[in-house]
Amino acid sequence: MILHIAKRAEWDAAQPRGEYAPPSLSVEGFIHCSTPAQLLDTANRFFRGQNDLAVLCIDPHRLAAPLRYEAPAMAHDERPSEHFPHLYGPLNLDAVTQVLDFPCESDGTFRLPAALRDSA
């Protein structure tokens, strides 16, 4: 399973279109995803304090677009050996097996949703 943090409004807007294509797809050419072990670090780095988020649980075997595990473009002092799943095309909705609410805590940080605690 791979995961994607989505703005709830963007996910809801994808339903009638039949596919999810967040702004990163047109800007960077791929959709950023995480493994369960990477989710909290990603959330706390890039989404701190944001509300109305959801975690999309994605079955990689159901993806229509190519999936690649790649090192992020980052400063030299970060973890260059870690690879993240990147989806190179729109996310077909039937690959999403579960959508979990992902509220931030009062201090703006995130906790792993209960449904994911065993898989991290």
C-alpha atoms as a PDB file:
ATOM      1  CA  MET A   1       0.000   0.000   0.000  1.00  0.00           C
ATOM      2  CA  ILE A   2       1.086   3.549  -0.746  1.00  0.00           C
ATOM      3  CA  LEU A   3      -0.485   6.709   0.626  1.00  0.00           C
ATOM      4  CA  HIS A   4      -1.244  10.197  -0.616  1.00  0.00           C
ATOM      5  CA  ILE A   5      -2.235  13.217   1.471  1.00  0.00           C
ATOM      6  CA  ALA A   6      -5.020  15.019  -0.339  1.00  0.00           C
ATOM      7  CA  LYS A   7      -6.968  18.168   0.285  1.00  0.00           C
ATOM      8  CA  ARG A   8     -10.503  16.950   0.900  1.00  0.00           C
ATOM      9  CA  ALA A   9     -11.961  19.427  -1.627  1.00  0.00           C
ATOM     10  CA  GLU A  10      -9.610  18.217  -4.371  1.00  0.00           C
ATOM     11  CA  TRP A  11     -10.495  14.591  -3.632  1.00  0.00           C
ATOM     12  CA  ASP A  12     -14.218  15.365  -3.632  1.00  0.00           C
ATOM     13  CA  ALA A  13     -13.879  17.227  -6.949  1.00  0.00           C
ATOM     14  CA  ALA A  14     -12.197  14.162  -8.482  1.00  0.00           C
ATOM     15  CA  GLN A  15     -15.209  11.912  -7.930  1.00  0.00           C
ATOM     16  CA  PRO A  16     -17.334  13.090 -10.895  1.00  0.00           C
ATOM     17  CA  ARG A  17     -14.254  13.188 -13.164  1.00  0.00           C
ATOM     18  CA  GLY A  18     -13.332   9.586 -12.372  1.00  0.00           C
ATOM     19  CA  GLU A  19      -9.684  10.402 -11.688  1.00  0.00           C
ATOM     20  CA  TYR A  20      -7.641  12.435  -9.229  1.00  0.00           C
ATOM     21  CA  ALA A  21      -5.067  14.858 -10.613  1.00  0.00           C
ATOM     22  CA  PRO A  22      -3.770  17.295  -7.974  1.00  0.00           C
ATOM     23  CA  PRO A  23      -1.787  20.419  -8.951  1.00  0.00           C
ATOM     24  CA  SER A  24       1.560  18.616  -8.442  1.00  0.00           C
ATOM     25  CA  LEU A  25       0.799  16.428 -11.448  1.00  0.00           C
ATOM     26  CA  SER A  26       0.776  19.369 -13.868  1.00  0.00           C
ATOM     27  CA  VAL A  27       3.502  21.330 -12.042  1.00  0.00           C
ATOM     28  CA  GLU A  28       5.996  18.535 -11.297  1.00  0.00           C
ATOM     29  CA  GLY A  29       4.800  15.748 -13.575  1.00  0.00           C
ATOM     30  CA  PHE A  30       3.848  13.301 -10.827  1.00  0.00           C
ATOM     31  CA  ILE A  31       1.714  12.806  -7.729  1.00  0.00           C
ATOM     32  CA  HIS A  32       3.678  12.667  -4.474  1.00  0.00           C
ATOM     33  CA  CYS A  33       2.984   9.575  -2.386  1.00  0.00           C
ATOM     34  CA  SER A  34       4.449   8.005   0.751  1.00  0.00           C
ATOM     35  CA  THR A  35       4.816   4.626   2.329  1.00  0.00           C
ATOM     36  CA  PRO A  36       3.063   4.181   5.683  1.00  0.00           C
ATOM     37  CA  ALA A  37       6.434   4.693   7.417  1.00  0.00           C
ATOM     38  CA  GLN A  38       6.994   8.005   5.572  1.00  0.00           C
ATOM     39  CA  LEU A  39       3.536   9.500   6.046  1.00  0.00           C
ATOM     40  CA  LEU A  40       4.000  11.395   9.307  1.00  0.00           C
ATOM     41  CA  ASP A  41       7.282  12.996   8.308  1.00  0.00           C
ATOM     42  CA  THR A  42       5.728  14.116   5.025  1.00  0.00           C
ATOM     43  CA  ALA A  43       2.628  15.475   6.769  1.00  0.00           C
ATOM     44  CA  ASN A  44       4.569  17.368   9.414  1.00  0.00           C
ATOM     45  CA  ARG A  45       7.010  18.862   6.869  1.00  0.00           C
ATOM     46  CA  PHE A  46       4.587  19.943   4.182  1.00  0.00           C
ATOM     47  CA  PHE A  47       1.077  20.072   5.675  1.00  0.00           C
ATOM     48  CA  ARG A  48       1.653  21.289   9.244  1.00  0.00           C
ATOM     49  CA  GLY A  49      -1.398  23.146  10.562  1.00  0.00           C
ATOM     50  CA  GLN A  50      -3.604  22.344   7.579  1.00  0.00           C
ATOM     51  CA  ASN A  51      -7.086  20.994   8.095  1.00  0.00           C
ATOM     52  CA  ASP A  52      -9.535  19.273   5.767  1.00  0.00           C
ATOM     53  CA  LEU A  53      -7.009  16.678   4.648  1.00  0.00           C
ATOM     54  CA  ALA A  54      -7.512  13.024   3.843  1.00  0.00           C
ATOM     55  CA  VAL A  55      -5.132  10.101   3.423  1.00  0.00           C
ATOM     56  CA  LEU A  56      -5.794   8.094   0.288  1.00  0.00           C
ATOM     57  CA  CYS A  57      -4.823   4.438   0.706  1.00  0.00           C
ATOM     58  CA  ILE A  58      -3.759   3.188  -2.709  1.00  0.00           C
ATOM     59  CA  ASP A  59      -3.277  -0.354  -3.983  1.00  0.00           C
ATOM     60  CA  PRO A  60      -0.256  -0.051  -6.300  1.00  0.00           C
ATOM     61  CA  HIS A  61      -1.345  -3.163  -8.247  1.00  0.00           C
ATOM     62  CA  ARG A  62      -4.486  -1.323  -9.394  1.00  0.00           C
ATOM     63  CA  LEU A  63      -2.745   1.787 -10.728  1.00  0.00           C
ATOM     64  CA  ALA A  64      -3.230   2.692 -14.379  1.00  0.00           C
ATOM     65  CA  ALA A  65      -0.307   5.190 -14.395  1.00  0.00           C
ATOM     66  CA  PRO A  66       3.360   4.282 -13.855  1.00  0.00           C
ATOM     67  CA  LEU A  67       4.666   4.247 -10.274  1.00  0.00           C
ATOM     68  CA  ARG A  68       8.354   4.876  -9.544  1.00  0.00           C
ATOM     69  CA  TYR A  69      10.248   4.952  -6.249  1.00  0.00           C
ATOM     70  CA  GLU A  70      12.641   7.882  -6.387  1.00  0.00           C
ATOM     71  CA  ALA A  71      14.831   9.964  -4.123  1.00  0.00           C
ATOM     72  CA  PRO A  72      13.377  13.419  -3.540  1.00  0.00           C
ATOM     73  CA  ALA A  73      15.157  16.525  -4.762  1.00  0.00           C
ATOM     74  CA  MET A  74      16.456  17.917  -1.484  1.00  0.00           C
ATOM     75  CA  ALA A  75      19.317  19.566   0.312  1.00  0.00           C
ATOM     76  CA  HIS A  76      22.408  17.430   0.900  1.00  0.00           C
ATOM     77  CA  ASP A  77      21.872  17.252   4.672  1.00  0.00           C
ATOM     78  CA  GLU A  78      18.569  15.372   4.425  1.00  0.00           C
ATOM     79  CA  ARG A  79      18.045  11.631   3.913  1.00  0.00           C
ATOM     80  CA  PRO A  80      19.166  11.099   0.305  1.00  0.00           C
ATOM     81  CA  SER A  81      18.883   7.293   0.482  1.00  0.00           C
ATOM     82  CA  GLU A  82      15.141   7.335   1.153  1.00  0.00           C
ATOM     83  CA  HIS A  83      12.931   6.751  -1.880  1.00  0.00           C
ATOM     84  CA  PHE A  84       9.331   7.899  -2.206  1.00  0.00           C
ATOM     85  CA  PRO A  85       6.605   6.556  -4.491  1.00  0.00           C
ATOM     86  CA  HIS A  86       5.775   8.956  -7.321  1.00  0.00           C
ATOM     87  CA  LEU A  87       2.766   8.353  -9.563  1.00  0.00           C
ATOM     88  CA  TYR A  88       3.357   9.555 -13.133  1.00  0.00           C
ATOM     89  CA  GLY A  89      -0.214  10.200 -14.220  1.00  0.00           C
ATOM     90  CA  PRO A  90      -3.678  10.704 -12.779  1.00  0.00           C
ATOM     91  CA  LEU A  91      -4.782   8.429  -9.975  1.00  0.00           C
ATOM     92  CA  ASN A  92      -7.590   6.163 -11.122  1.00  0.00           C
ATOM     93  CA  LEU A  93     -10.226   6.126  -8.381  1.00  0.00           C
ATOM     94  CA  ASP A  94     -10.592   2.346  -8.303  1.00  0.00           C
ATOM     95  CA  ALA A  95      -6.997   2.086  -7.017  1.00  0.00           C
ATOM     96  CA  VAL A  96      -8.032   3.900  -3.815  1.00  0.00           C
ATOM     97  CA  THR A  97      -9.070   1.275  -1.282  1.00  0.00           C
ATOM     98  CA  GLN A  98      -9.764   3.588   1.653  1.00  0.00           C
ATOM     99  CA  VAL A  99     -10.018   7.313   2.403  1.00  0.00           C
ATOM    100  CA  LEU A 100      -9.135   8.335   5.954  1.00  0.00           C
ATOM    101  CA  ASP A 101      -9.740  11.694   7.610  1.00  0.00           C
ATOM    102  CA  PHE A 102      -6.411  13.285   8.549  1.00  0.00           C
ATOM    103  CA  PRO A 103      -6.937  16.160  10.981  1.00  0.00           C
ATOM    104  CA  CYS A 104      -3.997  17.942  12.545  1.00  0.00           C
ATOM    105  CA  GLU A 105      -3.561  18.184  16.290  1.00  0.00           C
ATOM    106  CA  SER A 106      -4.001  21.468  18.165  1.00  0.00           C
ATOM    107  CA  ASP A 107      -0.264  22.178  17.760  1.00  0.00           C
ATOM    108  CA  GLY A 108      -0.484  21.652  13.979  1.00  0.00           C
ATOM    109  CA  THR A 109       1.249  18.270  13.900  1.00  0.00           C
ATOM    110  CA  PHE A 110      -0.209  14.975  12.751  1.00  0.00           C
ATOM    111  CA  ARG A 111      -0.690  11.532  14.252  1.00  0.00           C
ATOM    112  CA  LEU A 112      -0.952   8.371  12.241  1.00  0.00           C
ATOM    113  CA  PRO A 113      -4.613   7.440  11.699  1.00  0.00           C
ATOM    114  CA  ALA A 114      -5.627   4.403  13.745  1.00  0.00           C
ATOM    115  CA  ALA A 115      -6.326   2.365  10.603  1.00  0.00           C
ATOM    116  CA  LEU A 116      -2.654   2.724   9.563  1.00  0.00           C
ATOM    117  CA  ARG A 117      -0.881   2.107  12.851  1.00  0.00           C
ATOM    118  CA  ASP A 118      -0.262  -1.587  12.175  1.00  0.00           C
ATOM    119  CA  SER A 119       1.180  -1.002   8.703  1.00  0.00           C
ATOM    120  CA  ALA A 120       3.772   1.685   9.522  1.00  0.00           C
END
